[in-house]
Amino acid sequence: MTIATEPLNSRIRAGRPGHQQVFGKARELPDGTRVLTSRAPSSKGGARAVEWRADTLTTDGLRILVSEVNARAHRLPGTRSTPVLSLDRLVRVARDPAWGEAAGSASPSR
């Protein structure tokens, strides 16, 4: 599993260039968090490698991206038909309140 965050001192603002391009088609949760999920061949993977991603953006601009491949590591062939965690589980990991606490804010919320 790979987890990426925006630098903790830089929040994404609604007017920031690229914001609409990335999250324009995201589903919006009741708390305003935007969520994008995807299932695709791994761009860094070997034969049969697939990557599942959950990308979230909170209302205060904290972005958390969680991805997982069905291989032992990037650039290696897939060893199972799907990654271990479901997309729903990846979204739950990305929305865990610990990320907001680490960033010094209350988000993300569940």
C-alpha atoms as a PDB file:
ATOM      1  CA  MET A   1       0.000   0.000   0.000  1.00  0.00           C
ATOM      2  CA  THR A   2       1.197   3.490  -0.810  1.00  0.00           C
ATOM      3  CA  ILE A   3      -0.078   6.570   0.985  1.00  0.00           C
ATOM      4  CA  ALA A   4       0.636  10.105  -0.192  1.00  0.00           C
ATOM      5  CA  THR A   5      -0.386  13.411   1.312  1.00  0.00           C
ATOM      6  CA  GLU A   6      -0.034  16.950   0.133  1.00  0.00           C
ATOM      7  CA  PRO A   7       2.757  18.650   2.075  1.00  0.00           C
ATOM      8  CA  LEU A   8       1.328  19.339   5.503  1.00  0.00           C
ATOM      9  CA  ASN A   9       1.953  23.056   5.196  1.00  0.00           C
ATOM     10  CA  SER A  10       0.211  23.404   1.822  1.00  0.00           C
ATOM     11  CA  ARG A  11      -3.500  22.936   1.550  1.00  0.00           C
ATOM     12  CA  ILE A  12      -5.326  22.689  -1.752  1.00  0.00           C
ATOM     13  CA  ARG A  13      -7.615  25.649  -2.249  1.00  0.00           C
ATOM     14  CA  ALA A  14     -10.736  25.547  -4.368  1.00  0.00           C
ATOM     15  CA  GLY A  15      -9.287  28.147  -6.724  1.00  0.00           C
ATOM     16  CA  ARG A  16      -5.942  26.416  -7.165  1.00  0.00           C
ATOM     17  CA  PRO A  17      -5.244  25.514 -10.805  1.00  0.00           C
ATOM     18  CA  GLY A  18      -5.857  21.844 -11.415  1.00  0.00           C
ATOM     19  CA  HIS A  19      -8.321  21.419  -8.546  1.00  0.00           C
ATOM     20  CA  GLN A  20     -11.315  21.104 -10.875  1.00  0.00           C
ATOM     21  CA  GLN A  21      -9.369  18.857 -13.236  1.00  0.00           C
ATOM     22  CA  VAL A  22      -8.543  16.400 -10.475  1.00  0.00           C
ATOM     23  CA  PHE A  23     -11.685  16.502  -8.342  1.00  0.00           C
ATOM     24  CA  GLY A  24     -14.277  17.873 -10.776  1.00  0.00           C
ATOM     25  CA  LYS A  25     -15.916  14.463 -11.244  1.00  0.00           C
ATOM     26  CA  ALA A  26     -15.414  13.277  -7.659  1.00  0.00           C
ATOM     27  CA  ARG A  27     -18.318  12.099  -5.577  1.00  0.00           C
ATOM     28  CA  GLU A  28     -19.063  14.480  -2.723  1.00  0.00           C
ATOM     29  CA  LEU A  29     -19.841  13.057   0.699  1.00  0.00           C
ATOM     30  CA  PRO A  30     -22.279  14.730   3.132  1.00  0.00           C
ATOM     31  CA  ASP A  31     -19.377  16.355   5.036  1.00  0.00           C
ATOM     32  CA  GLY A  32     -18.091  17.932   1.788  1.00  0.00           C
ATOM     33  CA  THR A  33     -15.134  15.558   1.322  1.00  0.00           C
ATOM     34  CA  ARG A  34     -14.556  14.714  -2.334  1.00  0.00           C
ATOM     35  CA  VAL A  35     -13.649  11.111  -3.163  1.00  0.00           C
ATOM     36  CA  LEU A  36     -12.241   9.628  -6.354  1.00  0.00           C
ATOM     37  CA  THR A  37     -11.644   5.918  -6.754  1.00  0.00           C
ATOM     38  CA  SER A  38     -10.094   4.011  -9.624  1.00  0.00           C
ATOM     39  CA  ARG A  39      -9.130   0.521 -10.724  1.00  0.00           C
ATOM     40  CA  ALA A  40      -6.606   0.347 -13.549  1.00  0.00           C
ATOM     41  CA  PRO A  41      -3.517  -1.459 -14.784  1.00  0.00           C
ATOM     42  CA  SER A  42      -0.574  -0.341 -12.668  1.00  0.00           C
ATOM     43  CA  SER A  43       1.485   2.337 -14.389  1.00  0.00           C
ATOM     44  CA  LYS A  44       4.523   1.066 -12.448  1.00  0.00           C
ATOM     45  CA  GLY A  45       3.641  -2.600 -12.528  1.00  0.00           C
ATOM     46  CA  GLY A  46       4.743  -5.745 -14.204  1.00  0.00           C
ATOM     47  CA  ALA A  47       2.592  -8.270 -16.029  1.00  0.00           C
ATOM     48  CA  ARG A  48      -0.983  -8.545 -14.696  1.00  0.00           C
ATOM     49  CA  ALA A  49      -0.384  -5.834 -12.080  1.00  0.00           C
ATOM     50  CA  VAL A  50      -3.380  -3.664 -11.238  1.00  0.00           C
ATOM     51  CA  GLU A  51      -3.610  -0.639  -8.979  1.00  0.00           C
ATOM     52  CA  TRP A  52      -6.590   0.513  -6.959  1.00  0.00           C
ATOM     53  CA  ARG A  53      -6.659   4.113  -5.693  1.00  0.00           C
ATOM     54  CA  ALA A  54      -8.695   6.213  -3.285  1.00  0.00           C
ATOM     55  CA  ASP A  55      -8.013   9.949  -3.539  1.00  0.00           C
ATOM     56  CA  THR A  56      -9.728  12.263  -1.056  1.00  0.00           C
ATOM     57  CA  LEU A  57      -9.913  16.027  -0.613  1.00  0.00           C
ATOM     58  CA  THR A  58     -11.423  17.528   2.544  1.00  0.00           C
ATOM     59  CA  THR A  59     -13.190  20.876   2.713  1.00  0.00           C
ATOM     60  CA  ASP A  60     -10.146  22.443   4.377  1.00  0.00           C
ATOM     61  CA  GLY A  61      -7.863  21.235   1.587  1.00  0.00           C
ATOM     62  CA  LEU A  62      -6.191  18.145   3.024  1.00  0.00           C
ATOM     63  CA  ARG A  63      -5.590  15.620   0.253  1.00  0.00           C
ATOM     64  CA  ILE A  64      -4.868  11.959   1.017  1.00  0.00           C
ATOM     65  CA  LEU A  65      -4.184   9.425  -1.743  1.00  0.00           C
ATOM     66  CA  VAL A  66      -4.059   5.720  -0.895  1.00  0.00           C
ATOM     67  CA  SER A  67      -3.112   3.177  -3.546  1.00  0.00           C
ATOM     68  CA  GLU A  68      -2.553  -0.540  -3.586  1.00  0.00           C
ATOM     69  CA  VAL A  69      -1.299  -3.051  -6.148  1.00  0.00           C
ATOM     70  CA  ASN A  70      -1.887  -6.779  -6.488  1.00  0.00           C
ATOM     71  CA  ALA A  71       1.850  -7.453  -6.518  1.00  0.00           C
ATOM     72  CA  ARG A  72       4.571  -7.689  -3.890  1.00  0.00           C
ATOM     73  CA  ALA A  73       5.832  -4.250  -4.973  1.00  0.00           C
ATOM     74  CA  HIS A  74       5.661  -1.802  -7.861  1.00  0.00           C
ATOM     75  CA  ARG A  75       7.354  -3.005 -11.034  1.00  0.00           C
ATOM     76  CA  LEU A  76       6.690  -6.668 -10.153  1.00  0.00           C
ATOM     77  CA  PRO A  77       4.060  -8.904 -11.752  1.00  0.00           C
ATOM     78  CA  GLY A  78       0.660  -9.318 -10.152  1.00  0.00           C
ATOM     79  CA  THR A  79       0.502 -12.274  -7.764  1.00  0.00           C
ATOM     80  CA  ARG A  80      -3.269 -12.325  -7.165  1.00  0.00           C
ATOM     81  CA  SER A  81      -6.319 -11.278  -9.176  1.00  0.00           C
ATOM     82  CA  THR A  82      -7.039  -8.166  -7.082  1.00  0.00           C
ATOM     83  CA  PRO A  83      -5.322  -6.115  -4.381  1.00  0.00           C
ATOM     84  CA  VAL A  84      -5.904  -7.308  -0.815  1.00  0.00           C
ATOM     85  CA  LEU A  85      -8.015  -4.356   0.379  1.00  0.00           C
ATOM     86  CA  SER A  86     -11.299  -3.374  -1.239  1.00  0.00           C
ATOM     87  CA  LEU A  87     -11.832   0.126  -2.646  1.00  0.00           C
ATOM     88  CA  ASP A  88     -14.205   0.831   0.255  1.00  0.00           C
ATOM     89  CA  ARG A  89     -11.438  -0.080   2.715  1.00  0.00           C
ATOM     90  CA  LEU A  90      -8.952   2.162   0.895  1.00  0.00           C
ATOM     91  CA  VAL A  91     -11.427   5.041   1.197  1.00  0.00           C
ATOM     92  CA  ARG A  92     -11.775   4.342   4.930  1.00  0.00           C
ATOM     93  CA  VAL A  93      -7.980   4.420   5.309  1.00  0.00           C
ATOM     94  CA  ALA A  94      -7.790   7.752   3.444  1.00  0.00           C
ATOM     95  CA  ARG A  95     -10.575   9.226   5.578  1.00  0.00           C
ATOM     96  CA  ASP A  96      -9.130   8.131   8.916  1.00  0.00           C
ATOM     97  CA  PRO A  97      -9.079  11.055  11.382  1.00  0.00           C
ATOM     98  CA  ALA A  98      -5.399  10.345  12.124  1.00  0.00           C
ATOM     99  CA  TRP A  99      -4.416  12.128   8.876  1.00  0.00           C
ATOM    100  CA  GLY A 100      -6.109  15.336   9.999  1.00  0.00           C
ATOM    101  CA  GLU A 101      -4.534  15.043  13.425  1.00  0.00           C
ATOM    102  CA  ALA A 102      -1.087  14.578  11.863  1.00  0.00           C
ATOM    103  CA  ALA A 103      -1.691  17.629   9.701  1.00  0.00           C
ATOM    104  CA  GLY A 104      -2.884  19.687  12.666  1.00  0.00           C
ATOM    105  CA  SER A 105      -6.538  19.930  11.678  1.00  0.00           C
ATOM    106  CA  ALA A 106      -9.770  18.158  12.417  1.00  0.00           C
ATOM    107  CA  SER A 107     -10.079  16.560   8.971  1.00  0.00           C
ATOM    108  CA  PRO A 108     -10.478  14.172   7.433  1.00  0.00           C
ATOM    109  CA  SER A 109     -13.713  13.176   9.049  1.00  0.00           C
ATOM    110  CA  ARG A 110     -15.528   9.899   8.770  1.00  0.00           C
END
